[in-house]
Amino acid sequence: MSSLGVAIIGYGLAGSVFHAPLVAAEPRLRVAAVVTGSAERAAQARREHPGVRVLPDADTLFADLSDIDVVVVATPNRTHAALARRALAAGVAVVVDKPFAVTSAEAEDLLRFAEETGQLLTVFQNRRWDGDFRTVGRLVADGALGRVRRFESRFERWRPVPKGGWRETGGPADAAGILYDLGSHLVDQALTLFGPPATVYCELDIRRPGLRTDDDMFLAVTHAGGVRSHLWANAVAPLLGPRFRVLGDRAGYEVHGLDPQEAALRAGRRPGDGQPWGVVPAADYGVLGAGSESAPCATLPGEYLAFYAATAAAILDGAPPPVDPADAVPTLRVLEAARESAASGVVVRL
């Protein structure tokens, strides 16, 4: 087998910017099919991936999976679980964009079904391969910070005028809003670093007129091990806070700005194009230290391509999936508890 055929359902931002370029850059994968009902996006897919089979809907794809080994679900959140289940039933591996499902119960049901079918199932938590997050993980693992007491993480933007679309106008059944969008990444990163959650407190607000769902979030998670994670996501922050601020009993680490991989993908760059990938310039390194003693700390390169390299290895070599889909369940439980806390104003115990 020269390469695995990948079908990408949905060719909006997730499908066209994040999934398709990374699939195409992995030697053991190829973009074999794209599903989109948009004539404009269909033309874009054909330009970007010559020879790709472009289909108008998922029914047409599932009617003929003869050249497909992997289905990537990059559609609106409310459709994730149903499409993933359909692909698993058809006997192909599945990558689901985050959030994995709308509810934790839906996620658990999908996990059980994947076990029954014996097919690979994983979730696209690409932010685990952000360079700044990799750097935090290394500092924590190496003990450079000592015992971590507080973890602060932010995804903040300045978008005073809404862009429209279901993420801003949908409701809870759509898993719309910033909590389920950027919050899925923030919570996954916190749980990956510091383990199971014990309590959750959340504040959710709608700041911009015309929206039906949250665009401003603060989420506090106390982990079973004692670390407190404070997480922010905001679409209307005129001044941006640090991306990470991690405080231990020996040292702290703070870094500003965003991992460069998303911007590179949006600009049309691809991993392996002959230029450095995911590299942060020294001027944008974070700072590590305590008190008056601090110094720049080199940021590790970002590695989004590692997700799809690991996906290919999981299918072809029997390696573990890049992200254990079971990790999605506690993440969704935190998001559910966050909504409950924001509605009641109280701390929720898990």
Protein backbone atom coordinates (compact mmCIF):
# COMPACT_ATOMS: atom_id res chain seq x y z
CA MET A 1 0.00 0.00 0.00
CA SER A 2 1.60 3.26 -1.14
CA SER A 3 -0.68 5.55 0.83
CA LEU A 4 -3.97 5.56 2.70
CA GLY A 5 -6.91 7.31 1.07
CA VAL A 6 -8.44 9.99 3.28
CA ALA A 7 -11.90 11.50 2.86
CA ILE A 8 -12.48 14.88 4.50
CA ILE A 9 -16.11 15.65 5.26
CA GLY A 10 -16.41 19.42 5.41
CA TYR A 11 -14.13 21.89 3.66
CA GLY A 12 -14.54 25.02 5.73
CA LEU A 13 -11.79 26.38 7.96
CA ALA A 14 -11.13 23.07 9.72
CA GLY A 15 -11.16 20.89 6.63
CA SER A 16 -9.31 23.15 4.21
CA VAL A 17 -6.79 24.84 6.52
CA PHE A 18 -6.01 22.31 9.22
CA HIS A 19 -6.80 18.81 7.98
CA ALA A 20 -6.25 18.66 4.22
CA PRO A 21 -2.79 20.34 4.16
CA LEU A 22 -1.51 18.12 6.97
CA VAL A 23 -2.91 14.97 5.37
CA ALA A 24 -1.30 15.92 2.06
CA ALA A 25 2.05 16.53 3.77
CA GLU A 26 2.17 13.06 5.35
CA PRO A 27 3.78 10.59 2.87
CA ARG A 28 1.63 7.65 3.95
CA LEU A 29 -1.66 9.55 3.49
CA ARG A 30 -3.35 11.27 0.56
CA VAL A 31 -6.44 13.45 0.19
CA ALA A 32 -8.64 11.12 -1.86
CA ALA A 33 -12.04 12.75 -1.38
CA VAL A 34 -13.57 15.98 -0.11
CA VAL A 35 -17.23 16.36 0.80
CA THR A 36 -18.70 19.85 0.47
CA GLY A 37 -21.99 21.28 -0.73
CA SER A 38 -20.34 24.57 -1.68
CA ALA A 39 -19.40 25.06 -5.34
CA GLU A 40 -16.73 27.57 -4.29
CA ARG A 41 -15.15 25.17 -1.80
CA ALA A 42 -15.37 22.32 -4.30
CA ALA A 43 -13.37 24.38 -6.78
CA GLN A 44 -10.89 25.24 -4.04
CA ALA A 45 -10.43 21.55 -3.18
CA ARG A 46 -9.76 20.67 -6.81
CA ARG A 47 -7.18 23.46 -7.10
CA GLU A 48 -5.41 22.49 -3.91
CA HIS A 49 -5.54 18.71 -4.38
CA PRO A 50 -5.48 17.78 -8.09
CA GLY A 51 -7.27 14.53 -8.78
CA VAL A 52 -9.32 14.62 -5.59
CA ARG A 53 -12.83 13.20 -5.74
CA VAL A 54 -15.22 16.00 -4.70
CA LEU A 55 -18.65 14.89 -3.48
CA PRO A 56 -21.74 16.96 -2.64
CA ASP A 57 -22.77 15.17 0.56
CA ALA A 58 -21.91 12.43 3.01
CA ASP A 59 -24.47 10.02 1.52
CA THR A 60 -22.59 10.05 -1.78
CA LEU A 61 -19.32 9.35 0.03
CA PHE A 62 -20.69 6.43 2.04
CA ALA A 63 -22.22 4.94 -1.10
CA ASP A 64 -18.69 4.32 -2.40
CA LEU A 65 -15.77 4.04 0.05
CA SER A 66 -13.70 1.86 -2.27
CA ASP A 67 -10.64 4.13 -2.16
CA ILE A 68 -11.09 5.39 1.39
CA ASP A 69 -9.25 4.14 4.47
CA VAL A 70 -9.77 7.13 6.79
CA VAL A 71 -12.66 9.54 7.22
CA VAL A 72 -12.00 12.95 8.76
CA VAL A 73 -15.08 14.60 10.28
CA ALA A 74 -14.61 18.37 9.99
CA THR A 75 -18.26 19.41 9.97
CA PRO A 76 -20.35 21.49 12.43
CA ASN A 77 -20.06 20.13 15.97
CA ARG A 78 -23.58 18.75 16.26
CA THR A 79 -22.89 16.29 13.41
CA HIS A 80 -19.58 14.90 14.69
CA ALA A 81 -20.80 11.82 16.54
CA ALA A 82 -23.36 10.72 13.93
CA LEU A 83 -20.90 10.95 11.04
CA ALA A 84 -18.15 9.25 13.03
CA ARG A 85 -20.48 6.38 13.91
CA ARG A 86 -21.48 6.00 10.28
CA ALA A 87 -17.85 5.83 9.16
CA LEU A 88 -16.94 3.30 11.85
CA ALA A 89 -19.89 1.15 10.81
CA ALA A 90 -18.57 1.26 7.25
CA GLY A 91 -15.26 -0.19 8.40
CA VAL A 92 -12.89 2.77 8.10
CA ALA A 93 -10.71 4.63 10.59
CA VAL A 94 -12.03 7.96 11.85
CA VAL A 95 -10.53 11.30 12.88
CA VAL A 96 -13.03 13.65 14.55
CA ASP A 97 -12.35 17.34 14.92
CA LYS A 98 -12.82 18.80 18.37
CA PRO A 99 -15.12 18.87 20.21
CA PHE A 100 -15.40 15.11 19.87
CA ALA A 101 -19.15 15.18 20.56
CA VAL A 102 -21.79 17.50 21.98
CA THR A 103 -22.14 15.62 25.30
CA SER A 104 -20.03 13.25 27.36
CA ALA A 105 -22.77 10.60 27.10
CA GLU A 106 -22.64 10.84 23.30
CA ALA A 107 -18.85 10.51 23.46
CA GLU A 108 -19.00 7.41 25.67
CA ASP A 109 -21.51 5.79 23.29
CA LEU A 110 -19.20 6.49 20.34
CA LEU A 111 -16.22 4.99 22.19
CA ARG A 112 -18.17 1.80 22.86
CA PHE A 113 -19.17 1.56 19.22
CA ALA A 114 -15.59 2.02 18.05
CA GLU A 115 -14.51 -0.85 20.30
CA GLU A 116 -17.22 -3.05 18.82
CA THR A 117 -16.11 -2.30 15.27
CA GLY A 118 -12.39 -2.56 16.01
CA GLN A 119 -11.69 0.54 13.94
CA LEU A 120 -9.29 3.35 14.86
CA LEU A 121 -10.98 6.39 16.37
CA THR A 122 -9.13 9.53 17.41
CA VAL A 123 -9.82 13.22 18.00
CA PHE A 124 -7.95 16.13 16.41
CA GLN A 125 -6.52 17.96 19.42
CA ASN A 126 -3.84 19.65 17.34
CA ARG A 127 -3.02 22.20 20.04
CA ARG A 128 -1.14 19.47 21.91
CA TRP A 129 1.49 20.03 19.23
CA ASP A 130 1.72 23.81 19.65
CA GLY A 131 5.32 24.76 20.31
CA ASP A 132 4.52 26.80 23.42
CA PHE A 133 2.44 23.96 24.88
CA ARG A 134 5.22 21.48 24.12
CA THR A 135 7.59 23.82 25.94
CA VAL A 136 5.33 23.99 29.00
CA GLY A 137 5.07 20.20 28.98
CA ARG A 138 8.85 19.85 28.90
CA LEU A 139 9.32 22.35 31.77
CA VAL A 140 6.73 20.53 33.88
CA ALA A 141 8.15 17.09 33.11
CA ASP A 142 11.75 18.18 33.76
CA GLY A 143 10.88 19.76 37.10
CA ALA A 144 12.21 23.15 36.00
CA LEU A 145 9.26 24.89 37.69
CA GLY A 146 9.25 22.74 40.81
CA ARG A 147 5.79 21.77 41.97
CA VAL A 148 3.26 23.60 39.81
CA ARG A 149 0.62 25.45 41.78
CA ARG A 150 -1.21 27.47 39.14
CA PHE A 151 -1.59 27.12 35.38
CA GLU A 152 -2.95 30.04 33.36
CA SER A 153 -3.83 29.64 29.69
CA ARG A 154 -5.51 32.01 27.25
CA PHE A 155 -6.88 32.15 23.75
CA GLU A 156 -7.88 35.79 23.31
CA ARG A 157 -8.80 37.77 20.21
CA TRP A 158 -9.97 41.27 19.34
CA ARG A 159 -13.00 40.77 17.06
CA PRO A 160 -15.55 43.43 18.04
CA VAL A 161 -17.61 42.72 14.90
CA PRO A 162 -18.99 39.15 14.75
CA LYS A 163 -18.08 37.08 11.70
CA GLY A 164 -21.41 35.23 11.69
CA GLY A 165 -21.84 31.50 11.18
CA TRP A 166 -23.12 28.74 13.42
CA ARG A 167 -20.30 29.06 15.98
CA GLU A 168 -21.61 32.49 16.96
CA THR A 169 -25.33 32.10 16.30
CA GLY A 170 -25.97 28.47 17.26
CA GLY A 171 -27.25 27.18 20.57
CA PRO A 172 -26.28 24.51 23.11
CA ALA A 173 -27.49 21.68 20.86
CA ASP A 174 -24.96 22.87 18.28
CA ALA A 175 -22.11 22.97 20.84
CA ALA A 176 -21.68 26.53 19.62
CA GLY A 177 -19.88 29.32 21.44
CA ILE A 178 -16.38 29.97 22.61
CA LEU A 179 -16.58 27.48 25.50
CA TYR A 180 -16.90 24.49 23.17
CA ASP A 181 -14.66 26.01 20.50
CA LEU A 182 -11.48 27.34 22.09
CA GLY A 183 -12.45 25.97 25.49
CA SER A 184 -12.11 22.43 24.12
CA HIS A 185 -8.42 23.11 23.48
CA LEU A 186 -7.83 24.87 26.79
CA VAL A 187 -9.40 22.13 28.87
CA ASP A 188 -7.70 19.33 26.93
CA GLN A 189 -4.30 20.96 27.46
CA ALA A 190 -4.91 21.47 31.19
CA LEU A 191 -6.04 17.88 31.73
CA THR A 192 -3.16 16.53 29.63
CA LEU A 193 -0.67 18.35 31.85
CA PHE A 194 -2.22 18.04 35.30
CA GLY A 195 -4.67 15.17 35.29
CA PRO A 196 -8.29 14.64 36.32
CA PRO A 197 -10.52 17.53 37.38
CA ALA A 198 -12.08 17.73 40.83
CA THR A 199 -14.07 20.98 40.67
CA VAL A 200 -15.15 23.46 37.99
CA TYR A 201 -16.21 27.11 38.19
CA CYS A 202 -17.12 29.10 35.09
CA GLU A 203 -18.27 32.53 33.95
CA LEU A 204 -19.81 32.84 30.48
CA ASP A 205 -20.93 36.06 28.79
CA ILE A 206 -22.30 37.27 25.48
CA ARG A 207 -20.56 40.56 24.79
CA ARG A 208 -21.41 41.35 21.17
CA PRO A 209 -24.92 42.23 19.95
CA GLY A 210 -26.72 39.73 17.79
CA LEU A 211 -25.05 36.65 19.24
CA ARG A 212 -26.96 33.79 20.84
CA THR A 213 -24.02 32.12 22.53
CA ASP A 214 -20.95 32.90 24.65
CA ASP A 215 -17.99 34.85 23.30
CA ASP A 216 -16.27 35.53 26.65
CA MET A 217 -15.27 32.76 29.05
CA PHE A 218 -13.38 32.26 32.28
CA LEU A 219 -13.02 28.70 33.54
CA ALA A 220 -11.34 27.55 36.75
CA VAL A 221 -10.48 23.88 37.15
CA THR A 222 -9.05 22.44 40.36
CA HIS A 223 -7.30 19.19 39.53
CA ALA A 224 -7.38 16.16 41.79
CA GLY A 225 -3.64 16.61 42.30
CA GLY A 226 -4.10 20.15 43.62
CA VAL A 227 -3.05 22.28 40.63
CA ARG A 228 -5.43 25.12 39.82
CA SER A 229 -5.94 25.86 36.13
CA HIS A 230 -7.34 29.25 35.16
CA LEU A 231 -8.44 29.32 31.53
CA TRP A 232 -9.67 32.24 29.44
CA ALA A 233 -11.18 32.45 25.94
CA ASN A 234 -12.36 35.80 24.67
CA ALA A 235 -13.31 37.24 21.29
CA VAL A 236 -13.40 40.85 22.49
CA ALA A 237 -10.12 41.39 24.34
CA PRO A 238 -8.63 44.77 23.25
CA LEU A 239 -5.41 43.86 25.07
CA LEU A 240 -4.19 40.27 25.00
CA GLY A 241 -2.83 38.53 28.08
CA PRO A 242 -0.03 35.95 28.10
CA ARG A 243 -0.71 32.74 26.23
CA PHE A 244 0.66 30.74 29.17
CA ARG A 245 1.67 31.70 32.70
CA VAL A 246 2.71 28.74 34.84
CA LEU A 247 3.71 29.21 38.47
CA GLY A 248 5.62 26.62 40.47
CA ASP A 249 7.32 26.64 43.88
CA ARG A 250 10.73 26.96 42.21
CA ALA A 251 10.17 29.07 39.08
CA GLY A 252 7.58 30.46 36.71
CA TYR A 253 7.21 30.55 32.95
CA GLU A 254 5.37 33.14 30.86
CA VAL A 255 5.01 33.41 27.09
CA HIS A 256 2.97 35.69 24.83
CA GLY A 257 1.68 35.31 21.29
CA LEU A 258 0.37 32.31 19.39
CA ASP A 259 2.02 29.27 17.90
CA PRO A 260 2.83 30.20 14.26
CA GLN A 261 1.47 27.08 12.58
CA GLU A 262 -2.13 28.24 12.16
CA ALA A 263 -1.03 31.51 10.58
CA ALA A 264 1.31 29.61 8.25
CA LEU A 265 -1.46 27.22 7.17
CA ARG A 266 -3.90 30.08 6.60
CA ALA A 267 -1.26 31.80 4.44
CA GLY A 268 -0.99 28.70 2.26
CA ARG A 269 2.28 27.35 3.63
CA ARG A 270 2.70 23.62 4.15
CA PRO A 271 4.99 21.47 6.31
CA GLY A 272 7.94 20.29 4.28
CA ASP A 273 7.89 23.29 1.92
CA GLY A 274 11.60 23.85 2.47
CA GLN A 275 11.18 26.55 5.10
CA PRO A 276 11.43 26.11 8.88
CA TRP A 277 8.08 24.92 10.24
CA GLY A 278 6.56 25.88 13.58
CA VAL A 279 9.67 27.78 14.64
CA VAL A 280 9.30 30.77 16.97
CA PRO A 281 11.91 33.54 16.60
CA ALA A 282 14.12 34.21 19.61
CA ALA A 283 12.51 37.63 20.09
CA ASP A 284 9.23 35.85 20.92
CA TYR A 285 10.59 33.28 23.39
CA GLY A 286 8.98 33.09 26.80
CA VAL A 287 10.69 33.89 30.09
CA LEU A 288 11.65 31.38 32.79
CA GLY A 289 12.76 32.33 36.28
CA ALA A 290 11.91 33.57 39.76
CA GLY A 291 12.04 37.04 41.30
CA SER A 292 14.74 39.16 39.72
CA GLU A 293 16.41 36.09 38.17
CA SER A 294 14.85 35.29 34.80
CA ALA A 295 16.02 34.52 31.29
CA PRO A 296 14.54 33.75 27.86
CA CYS A 297 13.43 30.15 27.42
CA ALA A 298 13.60 28.76 23.87
CA THR A 299 10.24 27.64 22.50
CA LEU A 300 10.19 24.15 21.03
CA PRO A 301 9.03 23.97 17.38
CA GLY A 302 5.37 23.24 16.77
CA GLU A 303 4.59 19.87 15.15
CA TYR A 304 1.04 19.63 13.82
CA LEU A 305 2.18 17.13 11.21
CA ALA A 306 2.99 14.71 14.05
CA PHE A 307 -0.75 14.11 14.49
CA TYR A 308 -1.23 12.66 11.03
CA ALA A 309 2.12 10.86 11.05
CA ALA A 310 0.91 9.11 14.21
CA THR A 311 -2.48 8.43 12.63
CA ALA A 312 -0.79 6.65 9.72
CA ALA A 313 1.42 4.71 12.16
CA ALA A 314 -1.62 3.67 14.21
CA ILE A 315 -3.34 2.21 11.13
CA LEU A 316 -0.35 0.72 9.33
CA ASP A 317 1.99 -0.21 12.18
CA GLY A 318 -0.34 -0.86 15.11
CA ALA A 319 0.98 2.14 17.07
CA PRO A 320 -1.24 3.96 19.59
CA PRO A 321 -3.55 6.68 18.22
CA PRO A 322 -2.17 10.22 18.38
CA VAL A 323 -4.91 11.17 20.84
CA ASP A 324 -6.76 8.59 22.92
CA PRO A 325 -10.44 9.28 22.18
CA ALA A 326 -11.23 8.39 25.79
CA ASP A 327 -9.54 11.67 26.74
CA ALA A 328 -12.50 13.48 25.20
CA VAL A 329 -14.89 12.25 27.90
CA PRO A 330 -13.40 14.13 30.90
CA THR A 331 -12.92 17.19 28.67
CA LEU A 332 -16.61 17.17 27.78
CA ARG A 333 -17.57 16.60 31.42
CA VAL A 334 -15.64 19.75 32.33
CA LEU A 335 -17.40 21.70 29.55
CA GLU A 336 -20.79 20.42 30.74
CA ALA A 337 -19.95 21.33 34.33
CA ALA A 338 -18.80 24.75 33.11
CA ARG A 339 -22.21 25.46 31.61
CA GLU A 340 -23.87 24.30 34.82
CA SER A 341 -21.60 26.50 36.92
CA ALA A 342 -22.12 29.54 34.71
CA ALA A 343 -25.88 29.14 34.94
CA SER A 344 -25.94 28.62 38.72
CA GLY A 345 -22.97 30.71 39.83
CA VAL A 346 -21.61 27.89 41.99
CA VAL A 347 -18.61 25.55 41.93
CA VAL A 348 -19.48 22.13 40.46
CA ARG A 349 -17.83 19.01 41.84
CA LEU A 350 -17.05 16.16 39.45
